Structure formats: C-alpha cells, structure tokens
Amino acid sequence: MSWRADILTIFPAMFPGPLGDSLAGKALADQKWRLNVTDIRDFGLGRHRSVDDTPFGGGAGMVMRADVVDAAIGAVAATGGKAEDDRPLIFLSPRGKPLTQARARELAAGPGAILVCGRFEGIDQRVIEARQAEEISIGDYILSGGELAALVLLDAVIRLLPGVMGHAESGLEESFSAPLLEYPHYTRPAVWNGRAVPEMLTSGNHAAIAAWRLAQAERITQSRRPDLYNQYLDSVHAPDRFASGAHAP
C-alpha cells in the first residue's frame, strides 16, 4: 500500500498544485503516494451548502461548523481499510505544534495522513477534541487558510518516502535532519564574479573537508538559530566546547 493523503478543504482545486510537479509529482504518477481531495462543501447545509456560522460569544468572522466538518471527516475515514484507519488526523493551525523534520519523518514512516484545512476564524473546537485531531503549525504567521500549510507539510513528508529522492543519502545532512543547520554548498565555476570557492573544498582532504563543513554548520547555526545551537551543545554533552569561539574559522 502506498502512502495516502486525504485532504479536506473548501478549495479542492488547490490540490495537487505544486505537488503535481517535480519529485512529488513524479512520485504521485508512480503511485509511491496517493492523493484524495474531499470538498467539505459537499457536506454543507441548505441550498448554499453552508459550512460556517457566527461564533458564540460574538466577535469578527465566521467559524466552520462542527457537524459539517465531522461529517466530512467521517466519510473520508470510512473509505479506507484497517491500516488507513490508523492514519493521524491533522488540523493545520497557527496555534498547533511547529512542524519539524522529526515529525515529517514519523509521518513518512506511517500509512498516510488525513489533513483538514480550516478557513475563516477556524474550526469549532468540539470537533477537534472529539476527533482528537493533532494541530500542526508551519510557522508563526497567519495564512488565509490551511491549504498552503497542507502543501508544505505534504512536500516535507513525500520527499522522505522510499524511492522519491534519487539518492536517499541526500537527506542525511540537510538542515534539521541533524542538530545543526546545513553547511554552505559550492559548484562550478571555481571562480565566479571574483568570488572563489573556499580552498579547503578543492584540497582533496576528505577529513579536513568534513571538519570544515562541521565548523561552518556550527557557525551558521550559532548566529541564525541560537536555540538550535544550544540544543546541539547539549546533544554532544560539551557545553564548554566552543567557549573560546575557535569552532568557526
């Protein structure tokens, strides 16, 4: 069984979107993963297939109804086999836990996921609690809806599925796959606009190159993501290792 993504949205035309191209698109064509998109409006109420209503307690905006969203989730969950019943239900939300590379790997190792894309002011809390949905955020900012967040999550996961990346080792040294951000990369020409490739990379000394790359990764992480750098120091059990600042050339 290939990895299966079910998307619940009121804008089904947004999928597969960019996931229909590049690595994800080829993997979709090769059935390394499957995509099913459900229009939540198919479960809407009345002549206009309404999916939202005004919030209790007042306030601006509208809220997606629990009964409508729950009916859509129930219909999707009922279409799969026993293995797919175990797929996590994810609600893309700015108040969710941040999406991490570790969570992407966990999802890639499973049977798939059901992703609910909210709109308006969000989804009635009761269906989130009743369905025990996992809330995931892709960053500390607000989007118009969960669709773009779902595309980001899916891209992060799909590239990790077996056979999707041409070389599995391509993902081993990426940022967030290890405690550090990734080191800089260079290719031909050796000199471009007066800027030369670091001499170390053309030395042929693989041990020295590995040490240089580690030092660069440490320097970049320390300056750009001190939170990750502190985690890295804890992970290597050497809080005083770089006290002199000599880790970065």
Protein backbone atom coordinates (compact mmCIF):
# COMPACT_ATOMS: atom_id res chain seq x y z
CA MET A 1 0.00 0.00 0.00
CA SER A 2 1.38 3.41 -0.96
CA TRP A 3 1.32 6.36 1.41
CA ARG A 4 -2.11 8.02 1.24
CA ALA A 5 -3.03 11.65 1.89
CA ASP A 6 -6.65 12.71 2.26
CA ILE A 7 -7.26 16.45 2.12
CA LEU A 8 -10.45 18.07 3.40
CA THR A 9 -10.91 21.61 2.06
CA ILE A 10 -13.45 24.02 0.62
CA PHE A 11 -11.00 24.75 -2.22
CA PRO A 12 -10.25 21.33 -3.76
CA ALA A 13 -8.84 22.91 -6.94
CA MET A 14 -5.75 23.96 -4.94
CA PHE A 15 -4.56 20.33 -4.97
CA PRO A 16 -2.27 18.79 -6.03
CA GLY A 17 -0.97 22.23 -7.02
CA PRO A 18 2.85 22.26 -6.90
CA LEU A 19 2.79 18.68 -5.63
CA GLY A 20 1.90 17.65 -9.16
CA ASP A 21 5.37 18.66 -10.36
CA SER A 22 8.98 17.78 -9.58
CA LEU A 23 9.79 14.89 -7.23
CA ALA A 24 6.37 14.79 -5.59
CA GLY A 25 4.58 14.83 -8.95
CA LYS A 26 6.69 12.01 -10.34
CA ALA A 27 6.14 10.01 -7.15
CA LEU A 28 2.39 10.61 -7.45
CA ALA A 29 2.40 9.40 -11.05
CA ASP A 30 4.43 6.37 -9.99
CA GLN A 31 1.92 5.69 -7.20
CA LYS A 32 4.52 5.98 -4.47
CA TRP A 33 1.87 8.05 -2.72
CA ARG A 34 -1.83 8.68 -3.32
CA LEU A 35 -3.90 11.83 -3.00
CA ASN A 36 -7.62 12.11 -2.40
CA VAL A 37 -9.26 15.53 -2.05
CA THR A 38 -12.68 15.97 -0.43
CA ASP A 39 -14.74 19.15 -0.75
CA ILE A 40 -16.12 19.97 2.69
CA ARG A 41 -18.96 21.86 0.96
CA ASP A 42 -20.33 18.50 -0.19
CA PHE A 43 -21.41 18.11 3.44
CA GLY A 44 -22.64 21.69 3.80
CA LEU A 45 -26.13 22.65 4.89
CA GLY A 46 -29.00 24.04 2.88
CA ARG A 47 -29.26 25.28 -0.65
CA HIS A 48 -25.96 27.14 -0.41
CA ARG A 49 -24.10 24.21 1.21
CA SER A 50 -23.10 26.41 4.16
CA VAL A 51 -20.09 25.22 6.13
CA ASP A 52 -19.77 28.06 8.67
CA ASP A 53 -21.72 30.17 11.16
CA THR A 54 -21.26 33.12 13.50
CA PRO A 55 -19.21 32.48 16.66
CA PHE A 56 -20.86 32.05 20.04
CA GLY A 57 -19.81 34.91 22.30
CA GLY A 58 -19.59 37.33 19.40
CA GLY A 59 -16.56 38.55 17.51
CA ALA A 60 -15.46 39.06 13.95
CA GLY A 61 -15.52 36.41 11.28
CA MET A 62 -17.15 33.02 10.94
CA VAL A 63 -16.37 29.57 12.33
CA MET A 64 -16.53 26.27 10.46
CA ARG A 65 -19.32 24.13 11.91
CA ALA A 66 -18.50 21.01 13.91
CA ASP A 67 -21.32 18.97 12.37
CA VAL A 68 -20.27 19.74 8.80
CA VAL A 69 -16.54 19.14 9.33
CA ASP A 70 -17.20 15.97 11.33
CA ALA A 71 -19.41 14.56 8.58
CA ALA A 72 -16.63 15.16 6.04
CA ILE A 73 -14.02 13.51 8.28
CA GLY A 74 -16.30 10.54 8.91
CA ALA A 75 -16.87 10.00 5.20
CA VAL A 76 -13.14 10.03 4.47
CA ALA A 77 -12.24 7.75 7.36
CA ALA A 78 -14.89 5.24 6.28
CA THR A 79 -13.43 4.82 2.79
CA GLY A 80 -10.13 3.24 3.80
CA GLY A 81 -9.10 -0.15 5.04
CA LYS A 82 -7.98 -1.07 8.53
CA ALA A 83 -4.42 0.25 8.04
CA GLU A 84 -5.72 3.62 6.87
CA ASP A 85 -7.97 3.91 9.92
CA ASP A 86 -4.75 4.44 11.87
CA ARG A 87 -3.72 7.50 9.88
CA PRO A 88 -3.30 10.60 12.03
CA LEU A 89 -5.92 13.33 11.67
CA ILE A 90 -4.14 16.68 11.35
CA PHE A 91 -5.66 20.14 11.53
CA LEU A 92 -3.37 22.81 10.08
CA SER A 93 -3.49 25.65 12.58
CA PRO A 94 -1.22 28.57 13.63
CA ARG A 95 -1.74 27.53 17.24
CA GLY A 96 -0.52 23.98 16.61
CA LYS A 97 2.83 22.46 17.46
CA PRO A 98 5.54 23.52 14.98
CA LEU A 99 6.15 21.15 12.09
CA THR A 100 9.59 19.61 12.48
CA GLN A 101 11.77 17.36 10.37
CA ALA A 102 11.38 14.68 13.04
CA ARG A 103 7.57 14.81 12.75
CA ALA A 104 7.83 14.69 8.95
CA ARG A 105 9.92 11.52 9.24
CA GLU A 106 7.39 9.97 11.62
CA LEU A 107 4.56 10.71 9.21
CA ALA A 108 6.55 9.34 6.26
CA ALA A 109 7.05 6.09 8.16
CA GLY A 110 3.30 5.64 8.64
CA PRO A 111 0.42 4.77 6.29
CA GLY A 112 -0.51 8.37 5.48
CA ALA A 113 -2.47 11.26 6.96
CA ILE A 114 -5.84 12.99 6.87
CA LEU A 115 -5.37 16.77 6.67
CA VAL A 116 -8.15 19.23 7.49
CA CYS A 117 -7.73 22.71 6.02
CA GLY A 118 -9.54 25.34 8.05
CA ARG A 119 -10.82 28.67 6.79
CA PHE A 120 -12.40 31.79 8.27
CA GLU A 121 -11.68 32.03 12.04
CA GLY A 122 -11.06 28.30 12.29
CA ILE A 123 -12.98 25.15 13.18
CA ASP A 124 -15.37 24.59 16.06
CA GLN A 125 -13.23 23.32 18.93
CA ARG A 126 -15.62 20.48 19.69
CA VAL A 127 -14.85 18.52 16.53
CA ILE A 128 -11.12 18.98 17.10
CA GLU A 129 -11.47 17.49 20.56
CA ALA A 130 -13.99 14.79 19.62
CA ARG A 131 -11.80 13.57 16.74
CA GLN A 132 -8.57 14.00 18.76
CA ALA A 133 -7.03 15.91 15.89
CA GLU A 134 -3.37 16.83 16.00
CA GLU A 135 -2.85 20.55 15.41
CA ILE A 136 0.29 21.45 13.41
CA SER A 137 1.65 24.89 12.50
CA ILE A 138 4.16 25.68 9.77
CA GLY A 139 5.23 28.99 11.30
CA ASP A 140 4.41 31.97 13.45
CA TYR A 141 2.26 33.80 10.92
CA ILE A 142 -1.32 33.69 9.62
CA LEU A 143 -2.41 32.36 6.22
CA SER A 144 -5.81 32.71 4.58
CA GLY A 145 -6.44 29.01 5.16
CA GLY A 146 -4.84 25.66 5.80
CA GLU A 147 -4.34 24.66 2.17
CA LEU A 148 -0.88 26.16 1.69
CA ALA A 149 0.19 24.75 5.06
CA ALA A 150 -1.05 21.31 3.96
CA LEU A 151 1.02 21.57 0.76
CA VAL A 152 4.11 22.44 2.81
CA LEU A 153 3.57 19.52 5.19
CA LEU A 154 2.98 17.09 2.35
CA ASP A 155 6.08 18.19 0.46
CA ALA A 156 8.18 17.75 3.61
CA VAL A 157 6.83 14.22 4.04
CA ILE A 158 6.63 12.96 0.46
CA ARG A 159 10.29 13.63 -0.33
CA LEU A 160 11.16 11.25 2.54
CA LEU A 161 9.12 8.34 1.19
CA PRO A 162 11.16 5.38 -0.13
CA GLY A 163 12.26 5.87 -3.73
CA VAL A 164 11.19 9.51 -4.03
CA MET A 165 14.62 11.13 -3.74
CA GLY A 166 17.13 9.80 -6.23
CA HIS A 167 19.74 9.33 -3.51
CA ALA A 168 18.42 8.52 -0.06
CA GLU A 169 21.57 9.94 1.49
CA SER A 170 20.62 13.37 0.10
CA GLY A 171 18.50 13.96 3.17
CA LEU A 172 21.00 12.85 5.78
CA GLU A 173 22.93 16.12 6.14
CA GLU A 174 20.13 18.59 5.46
CA SER A 175 19.20 21.31 7.91
CA PHE A 176 17.11 19.92 10.79
CA SER A 177 17.99 16.31 9.92
CA ALA A 178 20.89 16.81 12.31
CA PRO A 179 21.03 19.26 15.24
CA LEU A 180 22.74 21.85 13.04
CA LEU A 181 21.72 23.93 10.04
CA GLU A 182 23.34 22.82 6.81
CA TYR A 183 26.79 24.00 5.72
CA PRO A 184 27.21 26.11 2.52
CA HIS A 185 27.41 24.42 -0.89
CA TYR A 186 29.54 25.31 -3.93
CA THR A 187 29.88 24.05 -7.51
CA ARG A 188 31.46 25.13 -10.80
CA PRO A 189 32.76 27.59 -11.85
CA ALA A 190 35.57 27.65 -9.30
CA VAL A 191 35.67 31.45 -9.55
CA TRP A 192 32.51 33.48 -10.17
CA ASN A 193 32.38 37.29 -10.26
CA GLY A 194 35.70 37.39 -8.45
CA ARG A 195 34.49 35.04 -5.71
CA ALA A 196 36.45 31.81 -5.36
CA VAL A 197 35.28 28.53 -3.91
CA PRO A 198 36.84 28.01 -0.43
CA GLU A 199 40.24 26.48 -0.99
CA MET A 200 39.56 23.71 1.51
CA LEU A 201 36.89 22.19 -0.74
CA THR A 202 39.37 21.65 -3.56
CA SER A 203 42.09 20.17 -1.33
CA GLY A 204 41.04 16.55 -1.73
CA ASN A 205 41.50 16.06 2.04
CA HIS A 206 38.17 14.50 2.93
CA ALA A 207 38.74 14.56 6.69
CA ALA A 208 39.64 18.24 6.58
CA ILE A 209 36.63 18.97 4.35
CA ALA A 210 34.32 17.22 6.82
CA ALA A 211 35.78 19.26 9.67
CA TRP A 212 35.38 22.49 7.68
CA ARG A 213 31.76 21.70 6.90
CA LEU A 214 31.03 20.95 10.54
CA ALA A 215 32.61 24.23 11.61
CA GLN A 216 30.57 26.13 9.03
CA ALA A 217 27.37 24.43 10.18
CA GLU A 218 28.18 25.32 13.79
CA ARG A 219 28.91 28.95 12.89
CA ILE A 220 25.72 29.38 10.86
CA THR A 221 23.56 27.70 13.47
CA GLN A 222 25.02 29.75 16.31
CA SER A 223 24.40 33.05 14.50
CA ARG A 224 20.99 32.29 12.97
CA ARG A 225 19.37 29.80 15.34
CA PRO A 226 20.91 30.05 18.81
CA ASP A 227 18.08 27.90 20.13
CA LEU A 228 19.17 25.01 17.90
CA TYR A 229 22.81 25.67 18.69
CA ASN A 230 22.17 25.32 22.41
CA GLN A 231 20.34 22.05 21.75
CA TYR A 232 23.33 20.91 19.72
CA LEU A 233 25.72 21.70 22.57
CA ASP A 234 23.51 19.71 24.93
CA SER A 235 23.36 16.81 22.48
CA VAL A 236 27.15 16.48 22.33
CA HIS A 237 27.46 16.92 26.11
CA ALA A 238 30.09 19.60 25.72
CA PRO A 239 28.72 22.98 26.90
CA ASP A 240 32.23 24.47 27.12
CA ARG A 241 33.49 23.03 23.85
CA PHE A 242 33.26 26.27 21.93
CA ALA A 243 33.78 28.73 24.80
CA SER A 244 36.79 30.23 23.04
CA GLY A 245 34.85 30.80 19.84
CA ALA A 246 37.51 28.85 17.97
CA HIS A 247 34.99 26.48 16.40
CA ALA A 248 34.45 28.65 13.34
CA PRO A 249 37.41 29.55 11.12
